[in-house]
Amino acid sequence: MVKPMANEKQDKQDIELLVEHARLEPGQDPPKISFPKTMKVSEAATQAATKLGFAAEGTYTFSFKGETLDRQRPLVSYGLKDGDTVILTDIGRAV
């Protein structure tokens, strides 16, 4: 039987995404934020916005490869993988 390495989960339930946003300084790398794969886009985007210092009352979502993600769908439904880059937006304006 092969045991997983100490820092490796057998059945990884989280996804680590790079979150781009308008407040990034030139040359600054987007932060990595982990979310449960089954979390709704709306919840994940709001959690990211709050962690990044944006107002919690915004209507946040992510864009991925030019597509605005449906806020009611879970992250896993988009086939996102660790290290993918999403863009945090407040519907109606960029953040």
N, C-alpha and C. Protein backbone atom coordinates (compact mmCIF):
# COMPACT_ATOMS: atom_id res chain seq x y z
N MET A 1 0.84 -1.18 0.00
CA MET A 1 0.00 0.00 0.00
C MET A 1 0.88 1.24 0.00
N VAL A 2 0.59 2.16 -0.89
CA VAL A 2 1.36 3.40 -0.97
C VAL A 2 0.66 4.46 -0.13
N LYS A 3 1.39 5.04 0.79
CA LYS A 3 0.84 6.09 1.65
C LYS A 3 1.07 7.45 1.00
N PRO A 4 0.11 8.36 1.14
CA PRO A 4 0.34 9.70 0.62
C PRO A 4 1.43 10.40 1.42
N MET A 5 2.13 11.30 0.76
CA MET A 5 3.16 12.07 1.46
C MET A 5 2.48 12.91 2.52
N ALA A 6 3.23 13.33 3.53
CA ALA A 6 2.67 14.05 4.68
C ALA A 6 1.88 15.29 4.27
N ASN A 7 2.35 16.02 3.26
CA ASN A 7 1.65 17.24 2.86
C ASN A 7 0.69 17.02 1.70
N GLU A 8 0.47 15.77 1.33
CA GLU A 8 -0.41 15.46 0.21
C GLU A 8 -1.71 14.85 0.72
N LYS A 9 -2.83 15.35 0.24
CA LYS A 9 -4.12 14.79 0.62
C LYS A 9 -4.45 13.65 -0.32
N GLN A 10 -5.05 12.60 0.23
CA GLN A 10 -5.41 11.46 -0.60
C GLN A 10 -6.49 11.87 -1.60
N ASP A 11 -7.51 12.56 -1.16
CA ASP A 11 -8.59 13.02 -2.02
C ASP A 11 -8.70 14.52 -1.81
N LYS A 12 -7.99 15.27 -2.60
CA LYS A 12 -7.90 16.71 -2.41
C LYS A 12 -9.26 17.36 -2.62
N GLN A 13 -9.72 18.05 -1.60
CA GLN A 13 -11.03 18.69 -1.64
C GLN A 13 -10.95 20.18 -1.94
N ASP A 14 -9.75 20.76 -1.91
CA ASP A 14 -9.57 22.19 -2.14
C ASP A 14 -8.87 22.43 -3.46
N ILE A 15 -9.05 23.63 -3.97
CA ILE A 15 -8.37 24.07 -5.17
C ILE A 15 -7.68 25.39 -4.85
N GLU A 16 -6.44 25.54 -5.30
CA GLU A 16 -5.69 26.77 -5.06
C GLU A 16 -5.63 27.57 -6.36
N LEU A 17 -6.22 28.76 -6.34
CA LEU A 17 -6.29 29.60 -7.53
C LEU A 17 -5.48 30.87 -7.35
N LEU A 18 -4.95 31.38 -8.45
CA LEU A 18 -4.32 32.69 -8.47
C LEU A 18 -5.43 33.69 -8.76
N VAL A 19 -5.56 34.71 -7.94
CA VAL A 19 -6.67 35.66 -8.06
C VAL A 19 -6.13 37.03 -8.48
N GLU A 20 -6.35 37.36 -9.76
CA GLU A 20 -5.96 38.68 -10.25
C GLU A 20 -7.06 39.68 -9.91
N HIS A 21 -6.64 40.93 -9.71
CA HIS A 21 -7.61 41.99 -9.40
C HIS A 21 -6.98 43.33 -9.74
N ALA A 22 -7.80 44.37 -9.77
CA ALA A 22 -7.36 45.69 -10.24
C ALA A 22 -6.33 46.36 -9.34
N ARG A 23 -6.24 45.97 -8.09
CA ARG A 23 -5.30 46.62 -7.16
C ARG A 23 -3.89 46.04 -7.20
N LEU A 24 -3.66 45.07 -8.08
CA LEU A 24 -2.31 44.52 -8.19
C LEU A 24 -1.37 45.59 -8.73
N GLU A 25 -0.22 45.71 -8.10
CA GLU A 25 0.81 46.63 -8.57
C GLU A 25 1.51 46.01 -9.77
N PRO A 26 2.04 46.83 -10.68
CA PRO A 26 2.79 46.28 -11.82
C PRO A 26 3.91 45.36 -11.32
N GLY A 27 3.98 44.19 -11.90
CA GLY A 27 4.99 43.21 -11.52
C GLY A 27 4.65 42.38 -10.29
N GLN A 28 3.56 42.71 -9.61
CA GLN A 28 3.15 41.96 -8.42
C GLN A 28 2.43 40.68 -8.84
N ASP A 29 2.81 39.57 -8.23
CA ASP A 29 2.15 38.30 -8.52
C ASP A 29 0.78 38.25 -7.86
N PRO A 30 -0.21 37.68 -8.56
CA PRO A 30 -1.53 37.54 -7.92
C PRO A 30 -1.45 36.58 -6.74
N PRO A 31 -2.22 36.86 -5.69
CA PRO A 31 -2.19 35.98 -4.52
C PRO A 31 -2.80 34.61 -4.83
N LYS A 32 -2.32 33.59 -4.12
CA LYS A 32 -2.90 32.25 -4.21
C LYS A 32 -3.89 32.10 -3.06
N ILE A 33 -5.10 31.68 -3.40
CA ILE A 33 -6.13 31.50 -2.38
C ILE A 33 -6.76 30.13 -2.59
N SER A 34 -6.93 29.38 -1.51
CA SER A 34 -7.54 28.05 -1.58
C SER A 34 -9.03 28.12 -1.25
N PHE A 35 -9.79 27.32 -1.99
CA PHE A 35 -11.24 27.23 -1.79
C PHE A 35 -11.65 25.76 -1.87
N PRO A 36 -12.71 25.37 -1.16
CA PRO A 36 -13.27 24.03 -1.38
C PRO A 36 -13.78 23.95 -2.82
N LYS A 37 -13.50 22.84 -3.49
CA LYS A 37 -13.90 22.68 -4.89
C LYS A 37 -15.41 22.81 -5.08
N THR A 38 -16.17 22.42 -4.08
CA THR A 38 -17.62 22.43 -4.21
C THR A 38 -18.24 23.78 -3.85
N MET A 39 -17.42 24.76 -3.46
CA MET A 39 -17.94 26.08 -3.09
C MET A 39 -18.50 26.77 -4.33
N LYS A 40 -19.61 27.49 -4.15
CA LYS A 40 -20.19 28.26 -5.24
C LYS A 40 -19.25 29.40 -5.61
N VAL A 41 -19.26 29.76 -6.88
CA VAL A 41 -18.44 30.87 -7.38
C VAL A 41 -18.70 32.13 -6.57
N SER A 42 -19.97 32.42 -6.28
CA SER A 42 -20.30 33.65 -5.53
C SER A 42 -19.63 33.66 -4.16
N GLU A 43 -19.65 32.53 -3.47
CA GLU A 43 -19.04 32.44 -2.13
C GLU A 43 -17.52 32.57 -2.21
N ALA A 44 -16.92 31.90 -3.18
CA ALA A 44 -15.47 31.95 -3.33
C ALA A 44 -15.00 33.35 -3.70
N ALA A 45 -15.71 33.99 -4.62
CA ALA A 45 -15.33 35.33 -5.06
C ALA A 45 -15.49 36.34 -3.92
N THR A 46 -16.55 36.22 -3.15
CA THR A 46 -16.76 37.12 -2.01
C THR A 46 -15.68 36.89 -0.95
N GLN A 47 -15.35 35.62 -0.71
CA GLN A 47 -14.29 35.31 0.26
C GLN A 47 -12.96 35.89 -0.21
N ALA A 48 -12.66 35.76 -1.50
CA ALA A 48 -11.41 36.32 -2.03
C ALA A 48 -11.41 37.83 -1.90
N ALA A 49 -12.52 38.47 -2.24
CA ALA A 49 -12.61 39.93 -2.15
C ALA A 49 -12.36 40.41 -0.73
N THR A 50 -12.96 39.74 0.23
CA THR A 50 -12.80 40.11 1.64
C THR A 50 -11.34 39.94 2.07
N LYS A 51 -10.72 38.83 1.69
CA LYS A 51 -9.32 38.59 2.05
C LYS A 51 -8.40 39.63 1.43
N LEU A 52 -8.80 40.16 0.27
CA LEU A 52 -7.97 41.13 -0.43
C LEU A 52 -8.28 42.57 -0.05
N GLY A 53 -9.22 42.75 0.90
CA GLY A 53 -9.50 44.08 1.42
C GLY A 53 -10.60 44.85 0.71
N PHE A 54 -11.35 44.17 -0.15
CA PHE A 54 -12.48 44.81 -0.81
C PHE A 54 -13.71 44.76 0.09
N ALA A 55 -14.66 45.65 -0.14
CA ALA A 55 -15.89 45.69 0.65
C ALA A 55 -16.66 44.37 0.49
N ALA A 56 -17.15 43.83 1.61
CA ALA A 56 -17.85 42.55 1.58
C ALA A 56 -19.20 42.64 0.89
N GLU A 57 -19.75 43.85 0.76
CA GLU A 57 -21.09 43.96 0.19
C GLU A 57 -21.13 44.00 -1.33
N GLY A 58 -20.02 43.83 -2.01
CA GLY A 58 -20.01 43.80 -3.47
C GLY A 58 -20.68 42.53 -4.01
N THR A 59 -20.96 42.54 -5.30
CA THR A 59 -21.52 41.36 -5.98
C THR A 59 -20.40 40.78 -6.83
N TYR A 60 -19.60 39.91 -6.22
CA TYR A 60 -18.37 39.45 -6.84
C TYR A 60 -18.56 38.15 -7.61
N THR A 61 -17.73 38.00 -8.64
CA THR A 61 -17.65 36.76 -9.39
C THR A 61 -16.22 36.65 -9.92
N PHE A 62 -15.94 35.56 -10.61
CA PHE A 62 -14.66 35.36 -11.26
C PHE A 62 -14.87 35.28 -12.76
N SER A 63 -13.83 35.65 -13.50
CA SER A 63 -13.76 35.37 -14.93
C SER A 63 -12.61 34.39 -15.12
N PHE A 64 -12.78 33.50 -16.08
CA PHE A 64 -11.76 32.49 -16.36
C PHE A 64 -11.72 32.28 -17.87
N LYS A 65 -10.54 32.51 -18.45
CA LYS A 65 -10.36 32.37 -19.90
C LYS A 65 -11.40 33.16 -20.68
N GLY A 66 -11.67 34.39 -20.24
CA GLY A 66 -12.57 35.28 -20.93
C GLY A 66 -14.05 35.06 -20.66
N GLU A 67 -14.38 34.09 -19.83
CA GLU A 67 -15.78 33.79 -19.51
C GLU A 67 -16.10 34.23 -18.09
N THR A 68 -17.20 34.97 -17.92
CA THR A 68 -17.66 35.32 -16.59
C THR A 68 -18.37 34.09 -16.02
N LEU A 69 -17.92 33.65 -14.86
CA LEU A 69 -18.46 32.43 -14.27
C LEU A 69 -19.81 32.69 -13.60
N ASP A 70 -20.72 31.74 -13.76
CA ASP A 70 -22.04 31.81 -13.14
C ASP A 70 -21.87 31.71 -11.64
N ARG A 71 -22.37 32.69 -10.92
CA ARG A 71 -22.19 32.77 -9.47
C ARG A 71 -22.83 31.60 -8.72
N GLN A 72 -23.81 30.94 -9.30
CA GLN A 72 -24.51 29.86 -8.59
C GLN A 72 -23.88 28.48 -8.80
N ARG A 73 -22.95 28.37 -9.74
CA ARG A 73 -22.31 27.08 -10.00
C ARG A 73 -21.12 26.85 -9.07
N PRO A 74 -20.83 25.60 -8.76
CA PRO A 74 -19.63 25.31 -7.96
C PRO A 74 -18.36 25.45 -8.80
N LEU A 75 -17.27 25.78 -8.13
CA LEU A 75 -15.99 25.92 -8.82
C LEU A 75 -15.64 24.68 -9.63
N VAL A 76 -15.88 23.51 -9.06
CA VAL A 76 -15.50 22.26 -9.70
C VAL A 76 -16.18 22.08 -11.06
N SER A 77 -17.33 22.70 -11.26
CA SER A 77 -18.06 22.52 -12.51
C SER A 77 -17.37 23.19 -13.70
N TYR A 78 -16.38 24.03 -13.44
CA TYR A 78 -15.65 24.70 -14.51
C TYR A 78 -14.33 24.00 -14.86
N GLY A 79 -14.02 22.92 -14.19
CA GLY A 79 -12.79 22.19 -14.48
C GLY A 79 -11.53 22.94 -14.08
N LEU A 80 -11.66 23.87 -13.14
CA LEU A 80 -10.50 24.62 -12.66
C LEU A 80 -9.50 23.68 -11.99
N LYS A 81 -8.23 23.99 -12.17
CA LYS A 81 -7.15 23.18 -11.58
C LYS A 81 -6.28 24.07 -10.70
N ASP A 82 -5.55 23.45 -9.78
CA ASP A 82 -4.59 24.19 -8.96
C ASP A 82 -3.69 25.03 -9.86
N GLY A 83 -3.52 26.29 -9.48
CA GLY A 83 -2.63 27.17 -10.22
C GLY A 83 -3.30 27.95 -11.34
N ASP A 84 -4.57 27.64 -11.65
CA ASP A 84 -5.29 28.42 -12.66
C ASP A 84 -5.47 29.85 -12.16
N THR A 85 -5.53 30.79 -13.09
CA THR A 85 -5.72 32.20 -12.76
C THR A 85 -7.14 32.62 -13.08
N VAL A 86 -7.79 33.19 -12.09
CA VAL A 86 -9.12 33.77 -12.27
C VAL A 86 -9.02 35.27 -12.02
N ILE A 87 -9.96 36.03 -12.57
CA ILE A 87 -9.98 37.47 -12.38
C ILE A 87 -11.19 37.82 -11.54
N LEU A 88 -10.94 38.47 -10.41
CA LEU A 88 -12.00 38.89 -9.52
C LEU A 88 -12.67 40.14 -10.07
N THR A 89 -13.99 40.10 -10.20
CA THR A 89 -14.73 41.26 -10.67
C THR A 89 -15.95 41.46 -9.80
N ASP A 90 -16.35 42.72 -9.70
CA ASP A 90 -17.61 43.08 -9.06
C ASP A 90 -18.56 43.33 -10.23
N ILE A 91 -19.63 42.58 -10.31
CA ILE A 91 -20.52 42.67 -11.47
C ILE A 91 -20.88 44.13 -11.73
N GLY A 92 -20.61 44.57 -12.94
CA GLY A 92 -20.86 45.95 -13.32
C GLY A 92 -19.62 46.81 -13.31
N ARG A 93 -18.55 46.32 -12.65
CA ARG A 93 -17.29 47.07 -12.65
C ARG A 93 -16.14 46.13 -12.27
N ALA A 94 -14.96 46.46 -12.71
CA ALA A 94 -13.76 45.68 -12.35
C ALA A 94 -13.30 46.11 -10.97
N VAL A 95 -12.68 45.19 -10.24
CA VAL A 95 -12.11 45.53 -8.93
C VAL A 95 -10.62 45.37 -8.98
